[in-house]
Amino acid sequence: MKILFCGDIVARSGRDVIKKHVLSMRKKWGLDCVIVNGENAQHGLGLSEKTCKELYDSGVDVITTGNHVWDCREMLSYIERDPRVVRPINYTNTVPGRGWTIHETSVGNILIINAMGQVYMNPQLDNAFPMIHNLLTSYPLGIGQIKAIIVDFHAEATAEKVALAYYLDGLVSAVVGTHTHIPTADERILPNGTAFISDVGMCGDYASIIGYSIATIPSRYLKKIPLCEKLGLPSGPATLCGVYLETDNGSGRCTRICPIRIDGGTLREADLCART
């Protein structure tokens, strides 16, 4: 199975780079599923019904989220109507939506799980580790129709991300990190066949501070003044960051993980061919 996971989409420029490339990537690489983290897709914070539909029209199959999932209030109702949008599984059960979905493809089903870290994030969250493990007892990897399982772990602390990956090694196809917007170079396949990367990066303008205007430097970082206004958004061209995954259709284990970066409209295909 061939899967593309794209990191946090930030505002219009991030959506535009998805629109520009994903449909052609699906055709060229024979992708079975495209997953994106869309929690910053609407004006840099949150997600809306209109934005979701725009991403689906651009070739996206499933949208994961994180700590900004409720920043557009309409998501409180819309997420109940759209099973392709998932929120972190370890939110309390009183919030709408759910933390996983099953996407059907021509070669089998993919279970996509979204979870959020607790370290430096939200201590009110439940512990994602046992919640994911309990879910997997009902959906064992490579058995029945579940041919691949992808976990988007939206977390701040690298150690927490690595810990979850080893905890789930062999139980899921891949654990991919999101939230920090900075792509890491630690992609690998763990001993029992689970692919891992600490952070896939973002789809947005990298001439910025993780997707937001560099004008925030004087007040926030030099004068330590809390910002009351909304963060500005840069208007430059976006870079698409993500990972390409290949899984064995029998075992569900990952056989290949390749970081993807489309910078300024030029795909570095040599990276895709060389990295395994």
Foldseek 3Di string as FASTA:
>chain_A
DKEWEWAEQAEDLLLVVLLVPVVVCCVVVVHFAYEYAHQRHHNGAEDDPVSVVSNVVSPHQAYEYEDRHCVPVVSQPVLQVDLRYAYAQQDDPVGDHHFWHWDATPLFIEIEGEHEDCVVPPVVTDDSQVVVVVVLVVPFDQPDRHQFYEYEYEYDDLVVQVVSCVSCQLRGAEYEYHHQQDFDDPWDADPNFYTYGSHQHHWEDPVDRSFFHPVCCCQCPVVVHDDPDDTHGDDDRTKIWIWMWDADRRSNGTDFIFIWIQPPNRTPVVRVVPGD
